[in-house]
Amino acid sequence: MADFLKDVLLVLFRIATILPLLLIITLFMGKRAIGELPVFDFLIVLTIGAVVGADIADPGIEHLPTVVAILGIAVLQRLVASWKLSSRKFGKLVTFEPTIVIQNGKLLRGNLKKIHYSIDNVLQMLREKNVFDISEVETGVIEANGSLSVLKKPSKNTVTREDMGLPQQTATIAYPVIMEGKIYHSVLKKFDVDQDWLLRQLTAQNISGSESVFLATINQQLQLHISLKDETTIDLPPIIH
């Protein structure tokens, strides 16, 4: 019983000393939103978490070396941050480059494969940006921290109906009807059309079949917006980080 109480008091002591130290270290490392951490800073956070967790959970671990380890990690992070500011080449080595995944409303399959993102990932991130129709997007970029930046087409950034005093209209949503060559018949049924209608629409756009389609969406006006699996002709703007 005495040993148990001793271990409990030791853990409480470690918590009471580690938390203020972590606060000081966080302020020392600089202001950065957790959701915006680049890859190196994310690894730093994981490492500190592992060190602190082990120190608190296992009373047998020496406390002072943990403190030294945390201080050393914080100093390393500051050094790397300084090197990144002074050398763009070094900065590119310790972080991801931004990747264009949407251009002119077209989803770029090759770039998605490079960063291991799926169609579902991008569509979810678009919805989080209040974009429910990929055709509205001029450029979509996955940033170094994994977030999606969206530039809408100029026609989608004009004066709003509220500004002109016009009545509201129901917002349109485009639904995926083909994903990676697979036709979703439930979506076709929702719009009272069938596979033959869809294939005729593809033929009208010089697309031989659904197998070559990476993503196709349909809206309430029965308009198809198609991204092919091979979109090599799209001219991408230079994105430098």
C-alpha atoms as a PDB file:
ATOM      1  CA  MET A   1       0.000   0.000   0.000  1.00  0.00           C
ATOM      2  CA  ALA A   2       2.811   2.371   0.883  1.00  0.00           C
ATOM      3  CA  ASP A   3       4.546   1.673  -2.435  1.00  0.00           C
ATOM      4  CA  PHE A   4       1.289   2.302  -4.288  1.00  0.00           C
ATOM      5  CA  LEU A   5       0.785   5.675  -2.592  1.00  0.00           C
ATOM      6  CA  LYS A   6       4.411   6.532  -3.286  1.00  0.00           C
ATOM      7  CA  ASP A   7       3.925   5.792  -7.000  1.00  0.00           C
ATOM      8  CA  VAL A   8       0.709   7.854  -7.092  1.00  0.00           C
ATOM      9  CA  LEU A   9       2.409  10.830  -5.465  1.00  0.00           C
ATOM     10  CA  LEU A  10       5.347  10.453  -7.863  1.00  0.00           C
ATOM     11  CA  VAL A  11       3.024  10.502 -10.893  1.00  0.00           C
ATOM     12  CA  LEU A  12       1.186  13.571  -9.556  1.00  0.00           C
ATOM     13  CA  PHE A  13       4.513  15.286  -8.969  1.00  0.00           C
ATOM     14  CA  ARG A  14       5.615  14.523 -12.522  1.00  0.00           C
ATOM     15  CA  ILE A  15       2.373  15.858 -13.959  1.00  0.00           C
ATOM     16  CA  ALA A  16       2.666  19.018 -11.870  1.00  0.00           C
ATOM     17  CA  THR A  17       6.203  19.633 -13.134  1.00  0.00           C
ATOM     18  CA  ILE A  18       5.830  18.452 -16.752  1.00  0.00           C
ATOM     19  CA  LEU A  19       2.729  20.478 -17.662  1.00  0.00           C
ATOM     20  CA  PRO A  20       4.228  23.883 -16.808  1.00  0.00           C
ATOM     21  CA  LEU A  21       7.373  22.828 -18.659  1.00  0.00           C
ATOM     22  CA  LEU A  22       5.321  21.870 -21.718  1.00  0.00           C
ATOM     23  CA  LEU A  23       3.564  25.237 -21.623  1.00  0.00           C
ATOM     24  CA  ILE A  24       6.912  27.042 -21.561  1.00  0.00           C
ATOM     25  CA  ILE A  25       8.266  24.826 -24.348  1.00  0.00           C
ATOM     26  CA  THR A  26       5.169  25.435 -26.503  1.00  0.00           C
ATOM     27  CA  LEU A  27       5.551  29.203 -26.111  1.00  0.00           C
ATOM     28  CA  PHE A  28       9.262  28.839 -26.893  1.00  0.00           C
ATOM     29  CA  MET A  29       8.590  26.843 -30.076  1.00  0.00           C
ATOM     30  CA  GLY A  30       6.233  29.513 -31.412  1.00  0.00           C
ATOM     31  CA  LYS A  31       2.586  30.070 -32.273  1.00  0.00           C
ATOM     32  CA  ARG A  32       1.210  27.431 -34.610  1.00  0.00           C
ATOM     33  CA  ALA A  33      -2.281  25.948 -34.890  1.00  0.00           C
ATOM     34  CA  ILE A  34      -2.268  22.193 -34.358  1.00  0.00           C
ATOM     35  CA  GLY A  35      -4.229  21.639 -37.575  1.00  0.00           C
ATOM     36  CA  GLU A  36      -1.619  23.626 -39.531  1.00  0.00           C
ATOM     37  CA  LEU A  37       1.503  21.804 -38.391  1.00  0.00           C
ATOM     38  CA  PRO A  38       3.944  20.884 -41.173  1.00  0.00           C
ATOM     39  CA  VAL A  39       5.329  17.365 -41.122  1.00  0.00           C
ATOM     40  CA  PHE A  40       8.492  18.063 -39.082  1.00  0.00           C
ATOM     41  CA  ASP A  41       6.659  19.995 -36.372  1.00  0.00           C
ATOM     42  CA  PHE A  42       4.053  17.228 -36.250  1.00  0.00           C
ATOM     43  CA  LEU A  43       6.814  14.690 -35.611  1.00  0.00           C
ATOM     44  CA  ILE A  44       8.188  16.930 -32.856  1.00  0.00           C
ATOM     45  CA  VAL A  45       4.775  16.987 -31.162  1.00  0.00           C
ATOM     46  CA  LEU A  46       4.480  13.195 -31.426  1.00  0.00           C
ATOM     47  CA  THR A  47       7.952  12.712 -29.972  1.00  0.00           C
ATOM     48  CA  ILE A  48       7.325  15.019 -27.040  1.00  0.00           C
ATOM     49  CA  GLY A  49       4.012  13.278 -26.398  1.00  0.00           C
ATOM     50  CA  ALA A  50       5.711   9.871 -26.362  1.00  0.00           C
ATOM     51  CA  VAL A  51       8.462  11.048 -24.009  1.00  0.00           C
ATOM     52  CA  VAL A  52       6.046  12.731 -21.610  1.00  0.00           C
ATOM     53  CA  GLY A  53       3.606   9.813 -21.697  1.00  0.00           C
ATOM     54  CA  ALA A  54       6.306   7.316 -20.823  1.00  0.00           C
ATOM     55  CA  ASP A  55       7.605   9.536 -18.025  1.00  0.00           C
ATOM     56  CA  ILE A  56       4.175   9.933 -16.419  1.00  0.00           C
ATOM     57  CA  ALA A  57       3.001   6.337 -16.891  1.00  0.00           C
ATOM     58  CA  ASP A  58       6.147   4.598 -15.663  1.00  0.00           C
ATOM     59  CA  PRO A  59       7.429   5.747 -12.248  1.00  0.00           C
ATOM     60  CA  GLY A  60      10.548   3.667 -12.851  1.00  0.00           C
ATOM     61  CA  ILE A  61      11.774   6.076 -15.539  1.00  0.00           C
ATOM     62  CA  GLU A  62      14.140   8.774 -14.287  1.00  0.00           C
ATOM     63  CA  HIS A  63      12.385  12.154 -14.313  1.00  0.00           C
ATOM     64  CA  LEU A  64      15.362  14.452 -14.916  1.00  0.00           C
ATOM     65  CA  PRO A  65      16.436  12.824 -18.227  1.00  0.00           C
ATOM     66  CA  THR A  66      12.864  13.327 -19.467  1.00  0.00           C
ATOM     67  CA  VAL A  67      13.138  17.043 -18.748  1.00  0.00           C
ATOM     68  CA  VAL A  68      16.488  17.173 -20.560  1.00  0.00           C
ATOM     69  CA  ALA A  69      14.989  15.288 -23.533  1.00  0.00           C
ATOM     70  CA  ILE A  70      12.071  17.721 -23.817  1.00  0.00           C
ATOM     71  CA  LEU A  71      14.406  20.715 -23.682  1.00  0.00           C
ATOM     72  CA  GLY A  72      16.646  19.132 -26.317  1.00  0.00           C
ATOM     73  CA  ILE A  73      13.697  18.439 -28.640  1.00  0.00           C
ATOM     74  CA  ALA A  74      12.482  22.022 -28.281  1.00  0.00           C
ATOM     75  CA  VAL A  75      15.932  23.428 -29.094  1.00  0.00           C
ATOM     76  CA  LEU A  76      16.149  21.123 -32.132  1.00  0.00           C
ATOM     77  CA  GLN A  77      12.773  22.372 -33.368  1.00  0.00           C
ATOM     78  CA  ARG A  78      13.873  25.995 -33.064  1.00  0.00           C
ATOM     79  CA  LEU A  79      17.117  25.254 -34.936  1.00  0.00           C
ATOM     80  CA  VAL A  80      15.283  23.509 -37.758  1.00  0.00           C
ATOM     81  CA  ALA A  81      12.759  26.346 -37.948  1.00  0.00           C
ATOM     82  CA  SER A  82      15.642  28.824 -38.271  1.00  0.00           C
ATOM     83  CA  TRP A  83      17.314  26.729 -40.986  1.00  0.00           C
ATOM     84  CA  LYS A  84      14.038  26.545 -42.900  1.00  0.00           C
ATOM     85  CA  LEU A  85      13.763  30.335 -42.862  1.00  0.00           C
ATOM     86  CA  SER A  86      17.352  30.843 -44.009  1.00  0.00           C
ATOM     87  CA  SER A  87      17.406  28.079 -46.650  1.00  0.00           C
ATOM     88  CA  ARG A  88      14.448  27.307 -48.920  1.00  0.00           C
ATOM     89  CA  LYS A  89      16.267  24.206 -50.191  1.00  0.00           C
ATOM     90  CA  PHE A  90      16.529  22.808 -46.658  1.00  0.00           C
ATOM     91  CA  GLY A  91      12.914  23.753 -45.981  1.00  0.00           C
ATOM     92  CA  LYS A  92      11.755  21.659 -48.939  1.00  0.00           C
ATOM     93  CA  LEU A  93      13.660  18.654 -47.586  1.00  0.00           C
ATOM     94  CA  VAL A  94      11.787  18.604 -44.264  1.00  0.00           C
ATOM     95  CA  THR A  95       8.252  19.288 -45.482  1.00  0.00           C
ATOM     96  CA  PHE A  96       5.844  18.338 -48.245  1.00  0.00           C
ATOM     97  CA  GLU A  97       5.376  20.480 -51.330  1.00  0.00           C
ATOM     98  CA  PRO A  98       1.895  21.779 -52.190  1.00  0.00           C
ATOM     99  CA  THR A  99       0.170  19.659 -54.824  1.00  0.00           C
ATOM    100  CA  ILE A 100      -2.493  20.793 -57.294  1.00  0.00           C
ATOM    101  CA  VAL A 101      -5.316  18.231 -57.281  1.00  0.00           C
ATOM    102  CA  ILE A 102      -8.031  20.230 -59.095  1.00  0.00           C
ATOM    103  CA  GLN A 103      -7.575  22.475 -62.117  1.00  0.00           C
ATOM    104  CA  ASN A 104     -10.390  24.028 -64.158  1.00  0.00           C
ATOM    105  CA  GLY A 105     -12.839  21.806 -62.295  1.00  0.00           C
ATOM    106  CA  LYS A 106     -10.965  18.638 -63.272  1.00  0.00           C
ATOM    107  CA  LEU A 107      -9.763  16.206 -60.633  1.00  0.00           C
ATOM    108  CA  LEU A 108      -6.158  15.198 -61.333  1.00  0.00           C
ATOM    109  CA  ARG A 109      -5.777  11.480 -60.764  1.00  0.00           C
ATOM    110  CA  GLY A 110      -1.977  11.382 -61.133  1.00  0.00           C
ATOM    111  CA  ASN A 111      -1.389  14.041 -58.484  1.00  0.00           C
ATOM    112  CA  LEU A 112      -3.837  12.383 -56.104  1.00  0.00           C
ATOM    113  CA  LYS A 113      -1.951   9.106 -56.419  1.00  0.00           C
ATOM    114  CA  LYS A 114       1.349  10.851 -55.634  1.00  0.00           C
ATOM    115  CA  ILE A 115       0.076  12.080 -52.269  1.00  0.00           C
ATOM    116  CA  HIS A 116      -2.114   9.006 -51.575  1.00  0.00           C
ATOM    117  CA  TYR A 117      -5.412  10.896 -51.496  1.00  0.00           C
ATOM    118  CA  SER A 118      -8.676   9.387 -52.710  1.00  0.00           C
ATOM    119  CA  ILE A 119     -11.642  10.986 -54.471  1.00  0.00           C
ATOM    120  CA  ASP A 120     -13.600  10.726 -51.225  1.00  0.00           C
ATOM    121  CA  ASN A 121     -10.881  12.648 -49.345  1.00  0.00           C
ATOM    122  CA  VAL A 122     -11.035  15.559 -51.777  1.00  0.00           C
ATOM    123  CA  LEU A 123     -14.837  15.659 -52.022  1.00  0.00           C
ATOM    124  CA  GLN A 124     -15.098  15.739 -48.216  1.00  0.00           C
ATOM    125  CA  MET A 125     -12.562  18.563 -48.001  1.00  0.00           C
ATOM    126  CA  LEU A 126     -14.487  20.483 -50.662  1.00  0.00           C
ATOM    127  CA  ARG A 127     -17.708  20.128 -48.690  1.00  0.00           C
ATOM    128  CA  GLU A 128     -15.891  21.469 -45.631  1.00  0.00           C
ATOM    129  CA  LYS A 129     -15.131  24.525 -47.798  1.00  0.00           C
ATOM    130  CA  ASN A 130     -18.852  24.792 -48.681  1.00  0.00           C
ATOM    131  CA  VAL A 131     -18.151  23.611 -52.224  1.00  0.00           C
ATOM    132  CA  PHE A 132     -20.633  20.947 -53.332  1.00  0.00           C
ATOM    133  CA  ASP A 133     -19.879  21.073 -57.052  1.00  0.00           C
ATOM    134  CA  ILE A 134     -16.310  20.489 -58.213  1.00  0.00           C
ATOM    135  CA  SER A 135     -17.021  22.341 -61.464  1.00  0.00           C
ATOM    136  CA  GLU A 136     -17.025  25.594 -59.446  1.00  0.00           C
ATOM    137  CA  VAL A 137     -13.326  25.185 -58.596  1.00  0.00           C
ATOM    138  CA  GLU A 138     -10.635  26.878 -60.661  1.00  0.00           C
ATOM    139  CA  THR A 139      -7.691  25.502 -58.629  1.00  0.00           C
ATOM    140  CA  GLY A 140      -7.541  23.193 -55.628  1.00  0.00           C
ATOM    141  CA  VAL A 141      -4.239  22.701 -53.782  1.00  0.00           C
ATOM    142  CA  ILE A 142      -3.340  20.231 -51.053  1.00  0.00           C
ATOM    143  CA  GLU A 143      -0.984  22.236 -48.852  1.00  0.00           C
ATOM    144  CA  ALA A 144       2.084  20.976 -46.992  1.00  0.00           C
ATOM    145  CA  ASN A 145      -0.004  20.477 -43.846  1.00  0.00           C
ATOM    146  CA  GLY A 146      -2.587  18.347 -45.683  1.00  0.00           C
ATOM    147  CA  SER A 147      -5.327  20.984 -45.863  1.00  0.00           C
ATOM    148  CA  LEU A 148      -7.116  21.950 -49.087  1.00  0.00           C
ATOM    149  CA  SER A 149      -6.963  25.491 -50.452  1.00  0.00           C
ATOM    150  CA  VAL A 150      -9.624  26.375 -53.034  1.00  0.00           C
ATOM    151  CA  LEU A 151      -9.776  29.130 -55.630  1.00  0.00           C
ATOM    152  CA  LYS A 152     -13.235  29.336 -57.157  1.00  0.00           C
ATOM    153  CA  LYS A 153     -13.797  30.240 -60.773  1.00  0.00           C
ATOM    154  CA  PRO A 154     -14.330  33.991 -61.312  1.00  0.00           C
ATOM    155  CA  SER A 155     -17.972  33.431 -62.285  1.00  0.00           C
ATOM    156  CA  LYS A 156     -18.551  31.921 -58.826  1.00  0.00           C
ATOM    157  CA  ASN A 157     -17.096  34.920 -56.974  1.00  0.00           C
ATOM    158  CA  THR A 158     -19.279  37.644 -58.458  1.00  0.00           C
ATOM    159  CA  VAL A 159     -21.886  39.801 -56.702  1.00  0.00           C
ATOM    160  CA  THR A 160     -24.311  37.713 -54.663  1.00  0.00           C
ATOM    161  CA  ARG A 161     -28.071  37.692 -55.118  1.00  0.00           C
ATOM    162  CA  GLU A 162     -28.404  39.283 -51.700  1.00  0.00           C
ATOM    163  CA  ASP A 163     -26.223  42.192 -52.879  1.00  0.00           C
ATOM    164  CA  MET A 164     -28.546  42.720 -55.862  1.00  0.00           C
ATOM    165  CA  GLY A 165     -31.701  42.375 -53.817  1.00  0.00           C
ATOM    166  CA  LEU A 166     -32.815  39.253 -55.703  1.00  0.00           C
ATOM    167  CA  PRO A 167     -34.730  36.376 -54.081  1.00  0.00           C
ATOM    168  CA  GLN A 168     -32.799  33.350 -52.884  1.00  0.00           C
ATOM    169  CA  GLN A 169     -32.500  30.259 -55.064  1.00  0.00           C
ATOM    170  CA  THR A 170     -31.947  26.709 -53.877  1.00  0.00           C
ATOM    171  CA  ALA A 171     -28.264  25.801 -53.863  1.00  0.00           C
ATOM    172  CA  THR A 172     -27.323  23.102 -56.355  1.00  0.00           C
ATOM    173  CA  ILE A 173     -25.363  20.000 -55.445  1.00  0.00           C
ATOM    174  CA  ALA A 174     -23.496  17.824 -57.905  1.00  0.00           C
ATOM    175  CA  TYR A 175     -23.583  14.098 -57.101  1.00  0.00           C
ATOM    176  CA  PRO A 176     -20.861  11.624 -58.116  1.00  0.00           C
ATOM    177  CA  VAL A 177     -22.339   9.295 -60.715  1.00  0.00           C
ATOM    178  CA  ILE A 178     -19.084   7.660 -61.859  1.00  0.00           C
ATOM    179  CA  MET A 179     -16.047   7.125 -59.642  1.00  0.00           C
ATOM    180  CA  GLU A 180     -12.944   5.426 -61.028  1.00  0.00           C
ATOM    181  CA  GLY A 181     -14.942   3.910 -63.874  1.00  0.00           C
ATOM    182  CA  LYS A 182     -17.752   2.540 -61.676  1.00  0.00           C
ATOM    183  CA  ILE A 183     -21.291   3.719 -62.437  1.00  0.00           C
ATOM    184  CA  TYR A 184     -23.529   4.437 -59.431  1.00  0.00           C
ATOM    185  CA  HIS A 185     -27.000   3.357 -60.497  1.00  0.00           C
ATOM    186  CA  SER A 186     -28.619   4.703 -57.309  1.00  0.00           C
ATOM    187  CA  VAL A 187     -27.659   8.224 -58.409  1.00  0.00           C
ATOM    188  CA  LEU A 188     -29.039   7.621 -61.899  1.00  0.00           C
ATOM    189  CA  LYS A 189     -32.288   6.414 -60.359  1.00  0.00           C
ATOM    190  CA  LYS A 190     -32.522   9.570 -58.241  1.00  0.00           C
ATOM    191  CA  PHE A 191     -32.497  11.656 -61.431  1.00  0.00           C
ATOM    192  CA  ASP A 192     -34.864   9.320 -63.333  1.00  0.00           C
ATOM    193  CA  VAL A 193     -32.255   8.406 -65.951  1.00  0.00           C
ATOM    194  CA  ASP A 194     -30.572   5.121 -66.772  1.00  0.00           C
ATOM    195  CA  GLN A 195     -27.195   3.777 -67.827  1.00  0.00           C
ATOM    196  CA  ASP A 196     -28.027   4.074 -71.536  1.00  0.00           C
ATOM    197  CA  TRP A 197     -28.701   7.786 -71.085  1.00  0.00           C
ATOM    198  CA  LEU A 198     -25.406   8.186 -69.253  1.00  0.00           C
ATOM    199  CA  LEU A 199     -23.430   6.370 -71.933  1.00  0.00           C
ATOM    200  CA  ARG A 200     -25.039   8.546 -74.632  1.00  0.00           C
ATOM    201  CA  GLN A 201     -23.931  11.634 -72.722  1.00  0.00           C
ATOM    202  CA  LEU A 202     -20.391  10.272 -72.553  1.00  0.00           C
ATOM    203  CA  THR A 203     -20.404   9.512 -76.279  1.00  0.00           C
ATOM    204  CA  ALA A 204     -21.560  13.077 -76.986  1.00  0.00           C
ATOM    205  CA  GLN A 205     -18.376  14.254 -75.225  1.00  0.00           C
ATOM    206  CA  ASN A 206     -16.201  11.831 -77.225  1.00  0.00           C
ATOM    207  CA  ILE A 207     -15.753   9.481 -74.276  1.00  0.00           C
ATOM    208  CA  SER A 208     -16.006   5.844 -75.304  1.00  0.00           C
ATOM    209  CA  GLY A 209     -17.122   4.447 -71.941  1.00  0.00           C
ATOM    210  CA  SER A 210     -17.139   4.808 -68.185  1.00  0.00           C
ATOM    211  CA  GLU A 211     -13.803   2.951 -67.844  1.00  0.00           C
ATOM    212  CA  SER A 212     -11.842   6.078 -68.818  1.00  0.00           C
ATOM    213  CA  VAL A 213     -13.725   8.312 -66.352  1.00  0.00           C
ATOM    214  CA  PHE A 214     -12.069   9.132 -63.032  1.00  0.00           C
ATOM    215  CA  LEU A 215     -14.971  11.198 -61.673  1.00  0.00           C
ATOM    216  CA  ALA A 216     -18.262  12.287 -63.200  1.00  0.00           C
ATOM    217  CA  THR A 217     -20.841  14.356 -61.335  1.00  0.00           C
ATOM    218  CA  ILE A 218     -24.419  15.232 -62.228  1.00  0.00           C
ATOM    219  CA  ASN A 219     -26.524  18.161 -61.025  1.00  0.00           C
ATOM    220  CA  GLN A 220     -30.239  18.910 -60.918  1.00  0.00           C
ATOM    221  CA  GLN A 221     -30.156  20.171 -64.518  1.00  0.00           C
ATOM    222  CA  LEU A 222     -28.783  16.771 -65.634  1.00  0.00           C
ATOM    223  CA  GLN A 223     -25.466  18.360 -66.545  1.00  0.00           C
ATOM    224  CA  LEU A 224     -22.434  16.089 -66.397  1.00  0.00           C
ATOM    225  CA  HIS A 225     -19.030  17.302 -65.276  1.00  0.00           C
ATOM    226  CA  ILE A 226     -16.305  14.808 -66.089  1.00  0.00           C
ATOM    227  CA  SER A 227     -12.699  14.280 -65.011  1.00  0.00           C
ATOM    228  CA  LEU A 228     -10.874  11.632 -67.011  1.00  0.00           C
ATOM    229  CA  LYS A 229      -8.309   9.229 -65.602  1.00  0.00           C
ATOM    230  CA  ASP A 230      -5.775  10.768 -67.978  1.00  0.00           C
ATOM    231  CA  GLU A 231      -5.835  14.582 -67.809  1.00  0.00           C
ATOM    232  CA  THR A 232      -2.332  15.187 -69.153  1.00  0.00           C
ATOM    233  CA  THR A 233      -3.359  18.116 -71.381  1.00  0.00           C
ATOM    234  CA  ILE A 234      -4.246  20.403 -68.461  1.00  0.00           C
ATOM    235  CA  ASP A 235      -1.815  23.275 -67.966  1.00  0.00           C
ATOM    236  CA  LEU A 236      -1.030  23.637 -64.268  1.00  0.00           C
ATOM    237  CA  PRO A 237      -0.019  26.936 -62.670  1.00  0.00           C
ATOM    238  CA  PRO A 238       3.324  26.957 -60.812  1.00  0.00           C
ATOM    239  CA  ILE A 239       2.741  26.650 -57.050  1.00  0.00           C
ATOM    240  CA  ILE A 240       5.880  27.433 -55.035  1.00  0.00           C
ATOM    241  CA  HIS A 241       6.109  27.004 -51.263  1.00  0.00           C
END
